[in-house]
C-alpha cells in the first residue's frame, strides 16, 4: 500500500478514536459530570488518548513483531490516561454539589401584593419577595 494511504488510514483512525472516546466517556462517566469539567481537560485527555491509540497502531505495524516494547509502552500509557480520565470524572462526581452556601438557602416567595414592590401581571397583582432563611443563627 502506498504511504499516503497508510497516513490517511492513521488520520481516520485518530478521528474515529476521538469520536469513540468522547461517546464512551459520556456514557460511562455521565454527561452531568463531564459538563462540570473544564473544556481544556476534556480536550487534552481525549486528544492524548486518541494519539496514544494511533501511536500504538503505528508501532505494531512498522515493527516486525506486533507486541513489541513500544506497543506495550503505548498500551500502558493508554491505560494510565484512562485511569486519569476516570479519577477526574470521579472528582467532579464527588464535588458536583460544592456550589457554596450562598445559593442554597435563598428562597423566592410569591405573595399577594402590598404597597411596595407591586407588579401587575394581567388581572392579578403580585409581589415578589426574596427572603433568606438563616440556619444556626
C-alpha atoms as a PDB file:
ATOM      1  CA  UNK A   1       0.000   0.000   0.000  1.00  0.00           C
ATOM      2  CA  UNK A   2       1.381   3.484  -0.839  1.00  0.00           C
ATOM      3  CA  UNK A   3       2.470   5.578   2.170  1.00  0.00           C
ATOM      4  CA  UNK A   4      -0.161   8.260   1.649  1.00  0.00           C
ATOM      5  CA  UNK A   5      -2.926   5.648   2.042  1.00  0.00           C
ATOM      6  CA  UNK A   6      -1.361   4.490   5.287  1.00  0.00           C
ATOM      7  CA  UNK A   7      -1.222   8.075   6.553  1.00  0.00           C
ATOM      8  CA  UNK A   8      -4.855   8.556   5.583  1.00  0.00           C
ATOM      9  CA  UNK A   9      -5.763   5.379   7.461  1.00  0.00           C
ATOM     10  CA  UNK A  10      -3.978   6.695  10.568  1.00  0.00           C
ATOM     11  CA  UNK A  11      -5.800  10.026  10.326  1.00  0.00           C
ATOM     12  CA  UNK A  12      -9.131   8.249  10.005  1.00  0.00           C
ATOM     13  CA  UNK A  13      -8.237   6.048  12.977  1.00  0.00           C
ATOM     14  CA  UNK A  14      -7.399   9.180  15.002  1.00  0.00           C
ATOM     15  CA  UNK A  15     -10.741  10.810  14.168  1.00  0.00           C
ATOM     16  CA  UNK A  16     -12.656   7.623  14.875  1.00  0.00           C
ATOM     17  CA  UNK A  17     -10.792   7.252  18.183  1.00  0.00           C
ATOM     18  CA  UNK A  18     -11.786  10.783  19.215  1.00  0.00           C
ATOM     19  CA  UNK A  19     -15.447  10.066  18.484  1.00  0.00           C
ATOM     20  CA  UNK A  20     -15.321   6.731  20.321  1.00  0.00           C
ATOM     21  CA  UNK A  21     -13.553   8.218  23.352  1.00  0.00           C
ATOM     22  CA  UNK A  22     -15.999  11.102  23.709  1.00  0.00           C
ATOM     23  CA  UNK A  23     -19.037   8.842  23.367  1.00  0.00           C
ATOM     24  CA  UNK A  24     -17.693   6.185  25.730  1.00  0.00           C
ATOM     25  CA  UNK A  25     -16.570   8.742  28.321  1.00  0.00           C
ATOM     26  CA  UNK A  26     -20.004  10.369  28.263  1.00  0.00           C
ATOM     27  CA  UNK A  27     -21.790   7.032  28.634  1.00  0.00           C
ATOM     28  CA  UNK A  28     -19.553   5.616  31.360  1.00  0.00           C
ATOM     29  CA  UNK A  29     -18.724   8.774  33.299  1.00  0.00           C
ATOM     30  CA  UNK A  30     -22.035  10.541  32.853  1.00  0.00           C
ATOM     31  CA  UNK A  31     -22.721  13.675  30.863  1.00  0.00           C
ATOM     32  CA  UNK A  32     -23.532  15.665  34.004  1.00  0.00           C
ATOM     33  CA  UNK A  33     -20.029  15.165  35.358  1.00  0.00           C
ATOM     34  CA  UNK A  34     -18.462  15.981  32.005  1.00  0.00           C
ATOM     35  CA  UNK A  35     -20.470  19.203  31.866  1.00  0.00           C
ATOM     36  CA  UNK A  36     -18.881  20.277  35.145  1.00  0.00           C
ATOM     37  CA  UNK A  37     -15.386  19.611  33.810  1.00  0.00           C
ATOM     38  CA  UNK A  38     -13.489  22.430  32.029  1.00  0.00           C
ATOM     39  CA  UNK A  39     -13.254  22.035  28.266  1.00  0.00           C
ATOM     40  CA  UNK A  40      -9.448  22.035  28.189  1.00  0.00           C
ATOM     41  CA  UNK A  41      -9.256  18.975  30.456  1.00  0.00           C
ATOM     42  CA  UNK A  42     -11.655  17.025  28.260  1.00  0.00           C
ATOM     43  CA  UNK A  43      -9.876  18.125  25.083  1.00  0.00           C
ATOM     44  CA  UNK A  44      -6.395  17.344  26.371  1.00  0.00           C
ATOM     45  CA  UNK A  45      -7.246  13.888  27.672  1.00  0.00           C
ATOM     46  CA  UNK A  46      -9.319  12.954  24.617  1.00  0.00           C
ATOM     47  CA  UNK A  47      -6.665  14.007  22.095  1.00  0.00           C
ATOM     48  CA  UNK A  48      -3.889  12.420  24.164  1.00  0.00           C
ATOM     49  CA  UNK A  49      -5.687   9.080  24.362  1.00  0.00           C
ATOM     50  CA  UNK A  50      -6.519   9.162  20.645  1.00  0.00           C
ATOM     51  CA  UNK A  51      -2.868   9.916  19.873  1.00  0.00           C
ATOM     52  CA  UNK A  52      -1.717   7.020  22.075  1.00  0.00           C
ATOM     53  CA  UNK A  53      -4.119   4.677  20.285  1.00  0.00           C
ATOM     54  CA  UNK A  54      -2.793   5.687  16.864  1.00  0.00           C
ATOM     55  CA  UNK A  55       0.824   5.582  18.050  1.00  0.00           C
ATOM     56  CA  UNK A  56       0.261   2.050  19.349  1.00  0.00           C
ATOM     57  CA  UNK A  57      -1.147   1.041  15.987  1.00  0.00           C
ATOM     58  CA  UNK A  58       1.816   2.597  14.172  1.00  0.00           C
ATOM     59  CA  UNK A  59       4.309   0.858  16.441  1.00  0.00           C
ATOM     60  CA  UNK A  60       2.674  -2.510  15.876  1.00  0.00           C
ATOM     61  CA  UNK A  61       2.565  -2.021  12.085  1.00  0.00           C
ATOM     62  CA  UNK A  62       6.099  -0.786  11.455  1.00  0.00           C
ATOM     63  CA  UNK A  63       7.912  -3.293  13.679  1.00  0.00           C
ATOM     64  CA  UNK A  64       8.477  -6.938  12.901  1.00  0.00           C
ATOM     65  CA  UNK A  65       6.552  -8.251  15.907  1.00  0.00           C
ATOM     66  CA  UNK A  66       3.101  -6.935  16.766  1.00  0.00           C
ATOM     67  CA  UNK A  67       3.685  -6.970  20.532  1.00  0.00           C
ATOM     68  CA  UNK A  68       6.970  -5.159  20.948  1.00  0.00           C
ATOM     69  CA  UNK A  69       8.379  -2.837  23.578  1.00  0.00           C
ATOM     70  CA  UNK A  70       6.802   0.301  22.098  1.00  0.00           C
ATOM     71  CA  UNK A  71       3.384  -1.278  21.686  1.00  0.00           C
ATOM     72  CA  UNK A  72       3.393  -2.288  25.339  1.00  0.00           C
ATOM     73  CA  UNK A  73       4.534   1.220  26.346  1.00  0.00           C
ATOM     74  CA  UNK A  74       1.654   2.765  24.417  1.00  0.00           C
ATOM     75  CA  UNK A  75      -0.768   0.277  25.949  1.00  0.00           C
ATOM     76  CA  UNK A  76       0.416   1.238  29.442  1.00  0.00           C
ATOM     77  CA  UNK A  77       0.153   4.943  28.541  1.00  0.00           C
ATOM     78  CA  UNK A  78      -3.408   4.393  27.298  1.00  0.00           C
ATOM     79  CA  UNK A  79      -4.403   2.598  30.487  1.00  0.00           C
ATOM     80  CA  UNK A  80      -2.850   5.405  32.569  1.00  0.00           C
ATOM     81  CA  UNK A  81      -4.713   8.062  30.568  1.00  0.00           C
ATOM     82  CA  UNK A  82      -7.968   6.139  31.001  1.00  0.00           C
ATOM     83  CA  UNK A  83      -7.289   5.974  34.750  1.00  0.00           C
ATOM     84  CA  UNK A  84      -6.688   9.738  34.864  1.00  0.00           C
ATOM     85  CA  UNK A  85      -9.959  10.263  32.988  1.00  0.00           C
ATOM     86  CA  UNK A  86     -11.773   8.029  35.487  1.00  0.00           C
ATOM     87  CA  UNK A  87     -10.242   9.792  38.502  1.00  0.00           C
ATOM     88  CA  UNK A  88     -11.043  13.218  37.106  1.00  0.00           C
ATOM     89  CA  UNK A  89     -14.627  12.185  36.427  1.00  0.00           C
ATOM     90  CA  UNK A  90     -14.885  10.755  39.948  1.00  0.00           C
ATOM     91  CA  UNK A  91     -13.534  14.034  41.375  1.00  0.00           C
ATOM     92  CA  UNK A  92     -16.266  16.005  39.624  1.00  0.00           C
ATOM     93  CA  UNK A  93     -18.826  13.430  40.769  1.00  0.00           C
ATOM     94  CA  UNK A  94     -17.797  13.953  44.394  1.00  0.00           C
ATOM     95  CA  UNK A  95     -17.657  17.754  44.125  1.00  0.00           C
ATOM     96  CA  UNK A  96     -20.733  18.413  41.976  1.00  0.00           C
ATOM     97  CA  UNK A  97     -22.694  19.884  44.911  1.00  0.00           C
ATOM     98  CA  UNK A  98     -19.909  22.198  46.111  1.00  0.00           C
ATOM     99  CA  UNK A  99     -21.603  25.324  44.784  1.00  0.00           C
ATOM    100  CA  UNK A 100     -21.303  27.133  48.100  1.00  0.00           C
ATOM    101  CA  UNK A 101     -23.825  28.046  50.751  1.00  0.00           C
ATOM    102  CA  UNK A 102     -24.983  31.320  49.147  1.00  0.00           C
ATOM    103  CA  UNK A 103     -27.455  29.935  46.639  1.00  0.00           C
ATOM    104  CA  UNK A 104     -28.697  27.050  48.751  1.00  0.00           C
ATOM    105  CA  UNK A 105     -30.747  28.972  51.364  1.00  0.00           C
ATOM    106  CA  UNK A 106     -32.244  31.704  49.177  1.00  0.00           C
ATOM    107  CA  UNK A 107     -35.977  31.324  48.641  1.00  0.00           C
ATOM    108  CA  UNK A 108     -38.212  33.327  46.316  1.00  0.00           C
ATOM    109  CA  UNK A 109     -41.693  33.860  47.726  1.00  0.00           C
ATOM    110  CA  UNK A 110     -44.638  34.896  45.581  1.00  0.00           C
ATOM    111  CA  UNK A 111     -47.271  36.560  47.749  1.00  0.00           C
ATOM    112  CA  UNK A 112     -50.269  38.866  47.253  1.00  0.00           C
ATOM    113  CA  UNK A 113     -49.284  42.471  46.621  1.00  0.00           C
ATOM    114  CA  UNK A 114     -48.785  45.156  49.208  1.00  0.00           C
ATOM    115  CA  UNK A 115     -47.948  48.842  48.720  1.00  0.00           C
ATOM    116  CA  UNK A 116     -44.232  48.337  48.000  1.00  0.00           C
ATOM    117  CA  UNK A 117     -42.919  46.280  45.106  1.00  0.00           C
ATOM    118  CA  UNK A 118     -46.198  45.950  43.199  1.00  0.00           C
ATOM    119  CA  UNK A 119     -46.085  44.160  39.863  1.00  0.00           C
ATOM    120  CA  UNK A 120     -49.176  43.918  37.673  1.00  0.00           C
ATOM    121  CA  UNK A 121     -49.356  40.713  35.646  1.00  0.00           C
ATOM    122  CA  UNK A 122     -52.674  40.673  33.845  1.00  0.00           C
ATOM    123  CA  UNK A 123     -55.665  40.689  36.191  1.00  0.00           C
ATOM    124  CA  UNK A 124     -53.740  39.759  39.325  1.00  0.00           C
ATOM    125  CA  UNK A 125     -51.220  41.864  41.204  1.00  0.00           C
ATOM    126  CA  UNK A 126     -48.368  40.014  42.897  1.00  0.00           C
ATOM    127  CA  UNK A 127     -45.344  40.984  44.937  1.00  0.00           C
ATOM    128  CA  UNK A 128     -42.050  39.105  44.667  1.00  0.00           C
ATOM    129  CA  UNK A 129     -40.093  38.899  47.931  1.00  0.00           C
ATOM    130  CA  UNK A 130     -36.637  37.458  48.189  1.00  0.00           C
ATOM    131  CA  UNK A 131     -36.082  36.095  51.645  1.00  0.00           C
ATOM    132  CA  UNK A 132     -33.129  34.302  53.114  1.00  0.00           C
ATOM    133  CA  UNK A 133     -33.529  31.528  55.618  1.00  0.00           C
ATOM    134  CA  UNK A 134     -30.930  31.642  58.322  1.00  0.00           C
ATOM    135  CA  UNK A 135     -29.933  28.376  59.887  1.00  0.00           C
ATOM    136  CA  UNK A 136     -27.989  28.258  63.103  1.00  0.00           C
ATOM    137  CA  UNK A 137     -28.433  31.972  63.968  1.00  0.00           C
END
